[in-house]
Amino acid sequence: MNLLQLPIWKKIIKKKGTSNPEIIRFLRETSVFGKLKRRTLHEIARLVHVRQYSEGEEIFRQGEAGAGFYMIFDGKVVIRSVRDGVELDLAHLDEHSFFGELSLFSEERRTATAIAQEPSTLLGFFQPDLKEIIETKPKIGIEILLSLTGVVVERLQKTNQLLEKAYYKGKQKNA
């Protein structure tokens, strides 16, 4: 059985050598968690899963169930969608970027594939981890949810702006 055939939870491992202070420093530097309180960052650092990916390795595949999101500790990732035989790179991401955050809120299928463009170290934060924090430490859970919701809203606003821009550009061409 190759690595891609293993259940997602078997592929997620903690990397020895990445210390909690390194992870906390990294979380503080990300846009998604950078404004959170120190104790909240400690809780997240306790729960994230550190995973190494080789160049060309799929992190997740379009169409499979989502379980959580990833932050790029080091390396580069491409987000790729294939529809009707047409392949489209939606994003090229590098350190401190994150992706897959909608799967924390929904069990919908992934809408794109994430692929490591070079050897990469990612931090995964998954639904069961978020649920654990919400159940055991509700104040911290709410703080994390508000931060993640802010990110989702910001990305949705940017998407709406792009759609409006494309729409009005198309209208001007047809006029």
N, C-alpha and C. Protein backbone atom coordinates (compact mmCIF):
# COMPACT_ATOMS: atom_id res chain seq x y z
N MET A 1 0.86 -1.18 0.00
CA MET A 1 0.00 0.00 0.00
C MET A 1 0.90 1.24 0.00
N ASN A 2 0.69 2.14 -0.97
CA ASN A 2 1.52 3.34 -0.98
C ASN A 2 0.92 4.40 -0.06
N LEU A 3 1.68 5.47 0.19
CA LEU A 3 1.29 6.51 1.14
C LEU A 3 -0.03 7.16 0.78
N LEU A 4 -0.30 7.36 -0.53
CA LEU A 4 -1.53 8.01 -0.94
C LEU A 4 -2.76 7.15 -0.66
N GLN A 5 -2.59 5.85 -0.50
CA GLN A 5 -3.71 4.98 -0.23
C GLN A 5 -4.04 4.87 1.26
N LEU A 6 -3.15 5.36 2.10
CA LEU A 6 -3.38 5.29 3.54
C LEU A 6 -4.48 6.27 3.95
N PRO A 7 -5.25 5.95 4.97
CA PRO A 7 -6.23 6.91 5.49
C PRO A 7 -5.52 8.18 5.92
N ILE A 8 -6.22 9.31 5.83
CA ILE A 8 -5.59 10.60 6.11
C ILE A 8 -4.94 10.64 7.49
N TRP A 9 -5.54 10.03 8.50
CA TRP A 9 -4.98 10.12 9.85
C TRP A 9 -3.69 9.34 9.98
N LYS A 10 -3.47 8.34 9.12
CA LYS A 10 -2.21 7.59 9.15
C LYS A 10 -1.08 8.38 8.51
N LYS A 11 -1.43 9.34 7.62
CA LYS A 11 -0.42 10.14 6.93
C LYS A 11 0.05 11.32 7.77
N ILE A 12 -0.71 11.65 8.81
CA ILE A 12 -0.41 12.82 9.63
C ILE A 12 0.46 12.39 10.79
N ILE A 13 1.64 12.97 10.88
CA ILE A 13 2.57 12.61 11.95
C ILE A 13 3.20 13.86 12.53
N LYS A 14 3.68 13.74 13.72
CA LYS A 14 4.45 14.83 14.33
C LYS A 14 5.90 14.67 13.90
N LYS A 15 6.52 15.76 13.50
CA LYS A 15 7.92 15.72 13.08
C LYS A 15 8.79 15.95 14.30
N LYS A 16 9.67 15.03 14.57
CA LYS A 16 10.60 15.22 15.67
C LYS A 16 11.56 16.34 15.28
N GLY A 17 11.91 17.16 16.24
CA GLY A 17 12.87 18.22 15.98
C GLY A 17 12.21 19.59 15.81
N THR A 18 10.92 19.65 15.57
CA THR A 18 10.24 20.93 15.49
C THR A 18 9.69 21.21 16.89
N SER A 19 10.27 22.22 17.53
CA SER A 19 9.92 22.47 18.93
C SER A 19 8.67 23.34 19.03
N ASN A 20 8.06 23.26 20.19
CA ASN A 20 6.89 24.06 20.47
C ASN A 20 7.18 25.56 20.31
N PRO A 21 8.32 26.09 20.80
CA PRO A 21 8.60 27.52 20.59
C PRO A 21 8.70 27.90 19.11
N GLU A 22 9.25 27.00 18.29
CA GLU A 22 9.31 27.26 16.84
C GLU A 22 7.92 27.36 16.26
N ILE A 23 7.04 26.47 16.66
CA ILE A 23 5.68 26.46 16.14
C ILE A 23 4.93 27.70 16.62
N ILE A 24 5.08 28.05 17.89
CA ILE A 24 4.41 29.25 18.43
C ILE A 24 4.88 30.50 17.69
N ARG A 25 6.18 30.61 17.45
CA ARG A 25 6.73 31.75 16.71
C ARG A 25 6.12 31.79 15.30
N PHE A 26 6.07 30.62 14.66
CA PHE A 26 5.49 30.54 13.32
C PHE A 26 4.02 30.98 13.34
N LEU A 27 3.23 30.45 14.27
CA LEU A 27 1.81 30.80 14.36
C LEU A 27 1.63 32.30 14.55
N ARG A 28 2.48 32.90 15.36
CA ARG A 28 2.41 34.34 15.62
C ARG A 28 2.66 35.14 14.34
N GLU A 29 3.42 34.56 13.40
CA GLU A 29 3.77 35.26 12.16
C GLU A 29 2.76 35.01 11.03
N THR A 30 1.74 34.18 11.28
CA THR A 30 0.75 33.92 10.23
C THR A 30 -0.41 34.89 10.34
N SER A 31 -1.03 35.18 9.21
CA SER A 31 -2.16 36.11 9.23
C SER A 31 -3.38 35.49 9.89
N VAL A 32 -3.50 34.18 9.88
CA VAL A 32 -4.69 33.55 10.44
C VAL A 32 -4.65 33.48 11.97
N PHE A 33 -3.49 33.34 12.56
CA PHE A 33 -3.40 33.21 14.01
C PHE A 33 -2.55 34.30 14.67
N GLY A 34 -1.99 35.20 13.91
CA GLY A 34 -1.05 36.19 14.41
C GLY A 34 -1.55 37.11 15.50
N LYS A 35 -2.85 37.36 15.54
CA LYS A 35 -3.41 38.30 16.52
C LYS A 35 -3.98 37.62 17.76
N LEU A 36 -3.82 36.31 17.85
CA LEU A 36 -4.39 35.57 18.97
C LEU A 36 -3.53 35.72 20.23
N LYS A 37 -4.15 35.48 21.38
CA LYS A 37 -3.45 35.55 22.67
C LYS A 37 -2.42 34.44 22.77
N ARG A 38 -1.42 34.68 23.59
CA ARG A 38 -0.32 33.73 23.77
C ARG A 38 -0.82 32.34 24.20
N ARG A 39 -1.74 32.30 25.16
CA ARG A 39 -2.22 30.98 25.62
C ARG A 39 -2.97 30.25 24.52
N THR A 40 -3.64 30.99 23.63
CA THR A 40 -4.34 30.37 22.51
C THR A 40 -3.33 29.78 21.53
N LEU A 41 -2.25 30.51 21.29
CA LEU A 41 -1.19 30.00 20.40
C LEU A 41 -0.58 28.72 20.98
N HIS A 42 -0.42 28.66 22.29
CA HIS A 42 0.11 27.46 22.94
C HIS A 42 -0.83 26.28 22.73
N GLU A 43 -2.11 26.50 22.83
CA GLU A 43 -3.08 25.43 22.61
C GLU A 43 -3.03 24.93 21.17
N ILE A 44 -2.97 25.86 20.23
CA ILE A 44 -2.90 25.46 18.82
C ILE A 44 -1.61 24.69 18.57
N ALA A 45 -0.49 25.20 19.10
CA ALA A 45 0.81 24.52 18.91
C ALA A 45 0.79 23.11 19.47
N ARG A 46 0.06 22.91 20.54
CA ARG A 46 -0.05 21.58 21.15
C ARG A 46 -0.79 20.60 20.23
N LEU A 47 -1.70 21.13 19.42
CA LEU A 47 -2.57 20.27 18.63
C LEU A 47 -2.20 20.12 17.15
N VAL A 48 -1.39 21.04 16.62
CA VAL A 48 -1.08 20.94 15.19
C VAL A 48 -0.26 19.69 14.90
N HIS A 49 -0.42 19.20 13.69
CA HIS A 49 0.30 18.02 13.21
C HIS A 49 1.34 18.49 12.21
N VAL A 50 2.59 18.12 12.43
CA VAL A 50 3.67 18.51 11.54
C VAL A 50 3.90 17.37 10.56
N ARG A 51 3.93 17.72 9.28
CA ARG A 51 4.04 16.70 8.25
C ARG A 51 5.00 17.15 7.15
N GLN A 52 5.85 16.24 6.73
CA GLN A 52 6.80 16.49 5.63
C GLN A 52 6.22 15.96 4.32
N TYR A 53 6.37 16.73 3.25
CA TYR A 53 5.95 16.30 1.92
C TYR A 53 7.13 16.43 0.96
N SER A 54 7.25 15.48 0.07
CA SER A 54 8.28 15.51 -0.96
C SER A 54 7.78 16.34 -2.15
N GLU A 55 8.71 16.77 -2.98
CA GLU A 55 8.34 17.48 -4.20
C GLU A 55 7.40 16.61 -5.04
N GLY A 56 6.28 17.20 -5.46
CA GLY A 56 5.32 16.49 -6.28
C GLY A 56 4.31 15.67 -5.52
N GLU A 57 4.45 15.56 -4.21
CA GLU A 57 3.52 14.75 -3.41
C GLU A 57 2.20 15.50 -3.18
N GLU A 58 1.10 14.79 -3.33
CA GLU A 58 -0.21 15.38 -3.07
C GLU A 58 -0.45 15.47 -1.56
N ILE A 59 -0.93 16.62 -1.15
CA ILE A 59 -1.28 16.85 0.25
C ILE A 59 -2.73 16.40 0.45
N PHE A 60 -3.58 16.81 -0.46
CA PHE A 60 -4.93 16.27 -0.57
C PHE A 60 -5.35 16.37 -2.02
N ARG A 61 -6.39 15.61 -2.35
CA ARG A 61 -6.84 15.49 -3.73
C ARG A 61 -8.24 16.05 -3.90
N GLN A 62 -8.46 16.72 -5.02
CA GLN A 62 -9.78 17.23 -5.38
C GLN A 62 -10.79 16.10 -5.31
N GLY A 63 -11.91 16.36 -4.66
CA GLY A 63 -12.97 15.37 -4.56
C GLY A 63 -12.96 14.55 -3.29
N GLU A 64 -11.83 14.52 -2.56
CA GLU A 64 -11.84 13.75 -1.32
C GLU A 64 -12.38 14.60 -0.18
N ALA A 65 -12.82 13.95 0.87
CA ALA A 65 -13.38 14.65 2.03
C ALA A 65 -12.30 15.49 2.70
N GLY A 66 -12.66 16.70 3.08
CA GLY A 66 -11.73 17.57 3.79
C GLY A 66 -11.83 17.35 5.29
N ALA A 67 -10.71 17.47 5.98
CA ALA A 67 -10.71 17.26 7.42
C ALA A 67 -10.12 18.44 8.17
N GLY A 68 -9.45 19.34 7.48
CA GLY A 68 -8.83 20.47 8.14
C GLY A 68 -8.00 21.28 7.18
N PHE A 69 -7.22 22.18 7.74
CA PHE A 69 -6.42 23.05 6.88
C PHE A 69 -4.94 22.95 7.21
N TYR A 70 -4.13 23.52 6.33
CA TYR A 70 -2.68 23.43 6.43
C TYR A 70 -2.06 24.81 6.37
N MET A 71 -0.94 24.95 7.08
CA MET A 71 -0.11 26.14 7.03
C MET A 71 1.27 25.71 6.56
N ILE A 72 1.88 26.51 5.70
CA ILE A 72 3.19 26.15 5.15
C ILE A 72 4.28 26.67 6.08
N PHE A 73 4.92 25.75 6.80
CA PHE A 73 6.02 26.08 7.70
C PHE A 73 7.26 26.41 6.87
N ASP A 74 7.55 25.56 5.88
CA ASP A 74 8.55 25.88 4.86
C ASP A 74 8.22 25.09 3.60
N GLY A 75 8.62 25.65 2.46
CA GLY A 75 8.35 25.01 1.18
C GLY A 75 7.35 25.79 0.35
N LYS A 76 6.86 25.14 -0.70
CA LYS A 76 5.91 25.75 -1.62
C LYS A 76 4.86 24.73 -2.02
N VAL A 77 3.63 25.23 -2.22
CA VAL A 77 2.49 24.37 -2.56
C VAL A 77 1.71 25.04 -3.69
N VAL A 78 1.24 24.22 -4.62
CA VAL A 78 0.34 24.72 -5.67
C VAL A 78 -1.04 24.13 -5.41
N ILE A 79 -2.07 24.96 -5.58
CA ILE A 79 -3.46 24.54 -5.48
C ILE A 79 -3.98 24.45 -6.91
N ARG A 80 -4.40 23.24 -7.31
CA ARG A 80 -4.74 22.97 -8.71
C ARG A 80 -6.14 22.37 -8.81
N SER A 81 -6.90 22.87 -9.77
CA SER A 81 -8.24 22.36 -10.04
C SER A 81 -8.28 21.79 -11.45
N VAL A 82 -9.00 20.70 -11.62
CA VAL A 82 -9.21 20.12 -12.95
C VAL A 82 -10.72 19.98 -13.15
N ARG A 83 -11.22 20.61 -14.21
CA ARG A 83 -12.64 20.54 -14.55
C ARG A 83 -12.74 20.32 -16.06
N ASP A 84 -13.51 19.34 -16.45
CA ASP A 84 -13.73 19.03 -17.86
C ASP A 84 -12.42 18.92 -18.63
N GLY A 85 -11.42 18.33 -17.99
CA GLY A 85 -10.13 18.11 -18.64
C GLY A 85 -9.22 19.32 -18.67
N VAL A 86 -9.68 20.45 -18.13
CA VAL A 86 -8.87 21.67 -18.11
C VAL A 86 -8.24 21.81 -16.73
N GLU A 87 -6.91 21.92 -16.71
CA GLU A 87 -6.16 22.06 -15.46
C GLU A 87 -5.86 23.53 -15.21
N LEU A 88 -6.15 24.00 -14.01
CA LEU A 88 -5.96 25.41 -13.67
C LEU A 88 -5.28 25.53 -12.32
N ASP A 89 -4.14 26.22 -12.28
CA ASP A 89 -3.48 26.51 -11.02
C ASP A 89 -4.17 27.71 -10.39
N LEU A 90 -4.82 27.47 -9.26
CA LEU A 90 -5.57 28.52 -8.58
C LEU A 90 -4.68 29.40 -7.72
N ALA A 91 -3.62 28.81 -7.16
CA ALA A 91 -2.73 29.57 -6.28
C ALA A 91 -1.37 28.89 -6.18
N HIS A 92 -0.34 29.71 -6.07
CA HIS A 92 1.01 29.24 -5.75
C HIS A 92 1.34 29.85 -4.39
N LEU A 93 1.55 28.99 -3.40
CA LEU A 93 1.70 29.44 -2.03
C LEU A 93 3.09 29.13 -1.50
N ASP A 94 3.58 29.98 -0.59
CA ASP A 94 4.86 29.70 0.05
C ASP A 94 4.74 29.88 1.55
N GLU A 95 5.87 29.98 2.23
CA GLU A 95 5.89 30.01 3.70
C GLU A 95 4.88 31.00 4.28
N HIS A 96 4.27 30.59 5.37
CA HIS A 96 3.26 31.34 6.13
C HIS A 96 1.90 31.41 5.44
N SER A 97 1.79 30.85 4.26
CA SER A 97 0.48 30.77 3.60
C SER A 97 -0.30 29.61 4.21
N PHE A 98 -1.59 29.62 3.99
CA PHE A 98 -2.43 28.53 4.49
C PHE A 98 -3.51 28.24 3.47
N PHE A 99 -4.08 27.04 3.56
CA PHE A 99 -5.08 26.63 2.58
C PHE A 99 -5.94 25.51 3.17
N GLY A 100 -7.13 25.35 2.61
CA GLY A 100 -8.03 24.29 3.04
C GLY A 100 -8.85 24.63 4.27
N GLU A 101 -8.91 25.91 4.64
CA GLU A 101 -9.57 26.30 5.89
C GLU A 101 -11.07 26.03 5.92
N LEU A 102 -11.72 25.99 4.77
CA LEU A 102 -13.16 25.74 4.76
C LEU A 102 -13.52 24.36 5.31
N SER A 103 -12.59 23.42 5.21
CA SER A 103 -12.88 22.07 5.69
C SER A 103 -12.96 21.98 7.21
N LEU A 104 -12.57 23.03 7.91
CA LEU A 104 -12.78 23.06 9.36
C LEU A 104 -14.26 23.25 9.70
N PHE A 105 -14.99 23.86 8.77
CA PHE A 105 -16.39 24.20 9.01
C PHE A 105 -17.36 23.29 8.29
N SER A 106 -16.86 22.52 7.34
CA SER A 106 -17.75 21.73 6.51
C SER A 106 -17.07 20.42 6.14
N GLU A 107 -17.85 19.40 5.92
CA GLU A 107 -17.30 18.12 5.50
C GLU A 107 -17.47 17.92 3.99
N GLU A 108 -17.63 19.02 3.27
CA GLU A 108 -17.74 18.97 1.82
C GLU A 108 -16.45 18.43 1.21
N ARG A 109 -16.54 17.98 0.00
CA ARG A 109 -15.38 17.45 -0.72
C ARG A 109 -14.44 18.59 -1.10
N ARG A 110 -13.15 18.27 -1.19
CA ARG A 110 -12.15 19.26 -1.61
C ARG A 110 -12.44 19.71 -3.03
N THR A 111 -12.31 21.01 -3.28
CA THR A 111 -12.59 21.55 -4.61
C THR A 111 -11.35 21.65 -5.48
N ALA A 112 -10.20 21.33 -4.91
CA ALA A 112 -8.95 21.38 -5.66
C ALA A 112 -7.96 20.40 -5.02
N THR A 113 -6.85 20.21 -5.71
CA THR A 113 -5.77 19.36 -5.22
C THR A 113 -4.63 20.26 -4.76
N ALA A 114 -4.01 19.91 -3.65
CA ALA A 114 -2.84 20.63 -3.15
C ALA A 114 -1.62 19.75 -3.35
N ILE A 115 -0.57 20.30 -3.97
CA ILE A 115 0.63 19.54 -4.30
C ILE A 115 1.87 20.30 -3.84
N ALA A 116 2.78 19.62 -3.17
CA ALA A 116 4.05 20.24 -2.77
C ALA A 116 4.89 20.47 -4.02
N GLN A 117 5.35 21.70 -4.21
CA GLN A 117 6.19 22.02 -5.36
C GLN A 117 7.67 21.77 -5.09
N GLU A 118 8.00 21.62 -3.84
CA GLU A 118 9.36 21.32 -3.40
C GLU A 118 9.22 20.63 -2.05
N PRO A 119 10.30 20.07 -1.52
CA PRO A 119 10.17 19.49 -0.17
C PRO A 119 9.58 20.54 0.78
N SER A 120 8.53 20.16 1.50
CA SER A 120 7.78 21.13 2.30
C SER A 120 7.41 20.54 3.65
N THR A 121 7.39 21.42 4.65
CA THR A 121 6.90 21.07 5.98
C THR A 121 5.62 21.86 6.22
N LEU A 122 4.56 21.14 6.53
CA LEU A 122 3.26 21.77 6.75
C LEU A 122 2.78 21.49 8.17
N LEU A 123 2.00 22.42 8.69
CA LEU A 123 1.31 22.22 9.96
C LEU A 123 -0.16 22.02 9.65
N GLY A 124 -0.73 20.92 10.09
CA GLY A 124 -2.14 20.64 9.87
C GLY A 124 -2.93 20.89 11.13
N PHE A 125 -4.08 21.51 10.97
CA PHE A 125 -5.00 21.75 12.08
C PHE A 125 -6.35 21.22 11.61
N PHE A 126 -6.90 20.24 12.33
CA PHE A 126 -8.02 19.46 11.83
C PHE A 126 -9.27 19.61 12.67
N GLN A 127 -10.42 19.26 12.08
CA GLN A 127 -11.71 19.36 12.75
C GLN A 127 -11.72 18.76 14.14
N PRO A 128 -11.22 17.54 14.34
CA PRO A 128 -11.23 16.97 15.69
C PRO A 128 -10.45 17.82 16.70
N ASP A 129 -9.37 18.45 16.25
CA ASP A 129 -8.58 19.33 17.13
C ASP A 129 -9.39 20.56 17.51
N LEU A 130 -10.05 21.15 16.53
CA LEU A 130 -10.87 22.33 16.80
C LEU A 130 -12.03 21.97 17.73
N LYS A 131 -12.67 20.84 17.48
CA LYS A 131 -13.78 20.41 18.33
C LYS A 131 -13.32 20.15 19.77
N GLU A 132 -12.13 19.58 19.91
CA GLU A 132 -11.58 19.34 21.26
C GLU A 132 -11.40 20.64 22.02
N ILE A 133 -10.84 21.65 21.36
CA ILE A 133 -10.64 22.94 22.01
C ILE A 133 -11.99 23.57 22.38
N ILE A 134 -12.93 23.53 21.45
CA ILE A 134 -14.25 24.12 21.71
C ILE A 134 -14.91 23.46 22.92
N GLU A 135 -14.79 22.13 23.02
CA GLU A 135 -15.43 21.40 24.12
C GLU A 135 -14.70 21.58 25.45
N THR A 136 -13.37 21.60 25.42
CA THR A 136 -12.61 21.64 26.67
C THR A 136 -12.25 23.05 27.12
N LYS A 137 -12.08 23.96 26.17
CA LYS A 137 -11.70 25.34 26.50
C LYS A 137 -12.48 26.29 25.59
N PRO A 138 -13.76 26.48 25.89
CA PRO A 138 -14.65 27.24 24.99
C PRO A 138 -14.16 28.66 24.67
N LYS A 139 -13.58 29.37 25.62
CA LYS A 139 -13.12 30.74 25.34
C LYS A 139 -12.03 30.74 24.27
N ILE A 140 -11.11 29.80 24.39
CA ILE A 140 -10.05 29.68 23.39
C ILE A 140 -10.64 29.24 22.05
N GLY A 141 -11.58 28.31 22.10
CA GLY A 141 -12.24 27.85 20.88
C GLY A 141 -12.93 28.97 20.14
N ILE A 142 -13.62 29.83 20.89
CA ILE A 142 -14.31 30.97 20.28
C ILE A 142 -13.30 31.93 19.66
N GLU A 143 -12.20 32.16 20.33
CA GLU A 143 -11.17 33.05 19.80
C GLU A 143 -10.63 32.51 18.47
N ILE A 144 -10.39 31.21 18.41
CA ILE A 144 -9.90 30.59 17.18
C ILE A 144 -10.96 30.69 16.08
N LEU A 145 -12.22 30.36 16.43
CA LEU A 145 -13.30 30.44 15.44
C LEU A 145 -13.46 31.84 14.87
N LEU A 146 -13.38 32.84 15.72
CA LEU A 146 -13.50 34.22 15.24
C LEU A 146 -12.36 34.58 14.30
N SER A 147 -11.16 34.15 14.63
CA SER A 147 -10.01 34.41 13.77
C SER A 147 -10.18 33.73 12.41
N LEU A 148 -10.57 32.46 12.43
CA LEU A 148 -10.78 31.72 11.18
C LEU A 148 -11.93 32.30 10.37
N THR A 149 -12.99 32.71 11.03
CA THR A 149 -14.13 33.31 10.34
C THR A 149 -13.71 34.60 9.65
N GLY A 150 -12.89 35.39 10.31
CA GLY A 150 -12.38 36.63 9.71
C GLY A 150 -11.63 36.35 8.42
N VAL A 151 -10.84 35.28 8.41
CA VAL A 151 -10.08 34.91 7.22
C VAL A 151 -11.01 34.48 6.10
N VAL A 152 -12.01 33.67 6.43
CA VAL A 152 -12.97 33.20 5.42
C VAL A 152 -13.72 34.39 4.82
N VAL A 153 -14.15 35.31 5.66
CA VAL A 153 -14.87 36.50 5.18
C VAL A 153 -13.97 37.32 4.26
N GLU A 154 -12.73 37.53 4.66
CA GLU A 154 -11.78 38.30 3.84
C GLU A 154 -11.58 37.65 2.47
N ARG A 155 -11.41 36.35 2.45
CA ARG A 155 -11.21 35.64 1.18
C ARG A 155 -12.47 35.69 0.32
N LEU A 156 -13.63 35.60 0.93
CA LEU A 156 -14.88 35.68 0.18
C LEU A 156 -15.05 37.07 -0.42
N GLN A 157 -14.70 38.10 0.33
CA GLN A 157 -14.78 39.47 -0.19
C GLN A 157 -13.86 39.65 -1.40
N LYS A 158 -12.65 39.11 -1.32
CA LYS A 158 -11.71 39.20 -2.45
C LYS A 158 -12.25 38.46 -3.67
N THR A 159 -12.85 37.30 -3.43
CA THR A 159 -13.43 36.53 -4.53
C THR A 159 -14.57 37.32 -5.18
N ASN A 160 -15.42 37.93 -4.37
CA ASN A 160 -16.52 38.74 -4.90
C ASN A 160 -15.99 39.90 -5.74
N GLN A 161 -14.93 40.55 -5.27
CA GLN A 161 -14.34 41.66 -6.02
C GLN A 161 -13.80 41.18 -7.37
N LEU A 162 -13.15 40.02 -7.38
CA LEU A 162 -12.65 39.47 -8.64
C LEU A 162 -13.78 39.15 -9.60
N LEU A 163 -14.86 38.56 -9.09
CA LEU A 163 -16.01 38.24 -9.94
C LEU A 163 -16.65 39.50 -10.50
N GLU A 164 -16.80 40.52 -9.66
CA GLU A 164 -17.37 41.79 -10.14
C GLU A 164 -16.49 42.41 -11.21
N LYS A 165 -15.20 42.39 -10.98
CA LYS A 165 -14.25 42.97 -11.94
C LYS A 165 -14.34 42.23 -13.28
N ALA A 166 -14.38 40.90 -13.24
CA ALA A 166 -14.48 40.10 -14.46
C ALA A 166 -15.81 40.35 -15.15
N TYR A 167 -16.88 40.47 -14.40
CA TYR A 167 -18.21 40.71 -14.96
C TYR A 167 -18.24 42.05 -15.69
N TYR A 168 -17.79 43.11 -15.02
CA TYR A 168 -17.86 44.43 -15.62
C TYR A 168 -16.89 44.56 -16.80
N LYS A 169 -15.79 43.87 -16.74
CA LYS A 169 -14.84 43.86 -17.86
C LYS A 169 -15.49 43.20 -19.08
N GLY A 170 -16.21 42.11 -18.84
CA GLY A 170 -16.92 41.42 -19.91
C GLY A 170 -18.03 42.25 -20.50
N LYS A 171 -18.74 43.00 -19.65
CA LYS A 171 -19.82 43.88 -20.13
C LYS A 171 -19.26 44.99 -21.02
N GLN A 172 -18.09 45.52 -20.64
CA GLN A 172 -17.49 46.59 -21.43
C GLN A 172 -17.06 46.08 -22.81
N LYS A 173 -16.57 44.83 -22.86
CA LYS A 173 -16.16 44.24 -24.14
C LYS A 173 -17.35 44.06 -25.06
N ASN A 174 -18.50 43.70 -24.50
CA ASN A 174 -19.70 43.42 -25.30
C ASN A 174 -20.46 44.69 -25.68
N ALA A 175 -20.10 45.81 -25.07
CA ALA A 175 -20.84 47.07 -25.34
C ALA A 175 -20.41 47.72 -26.63
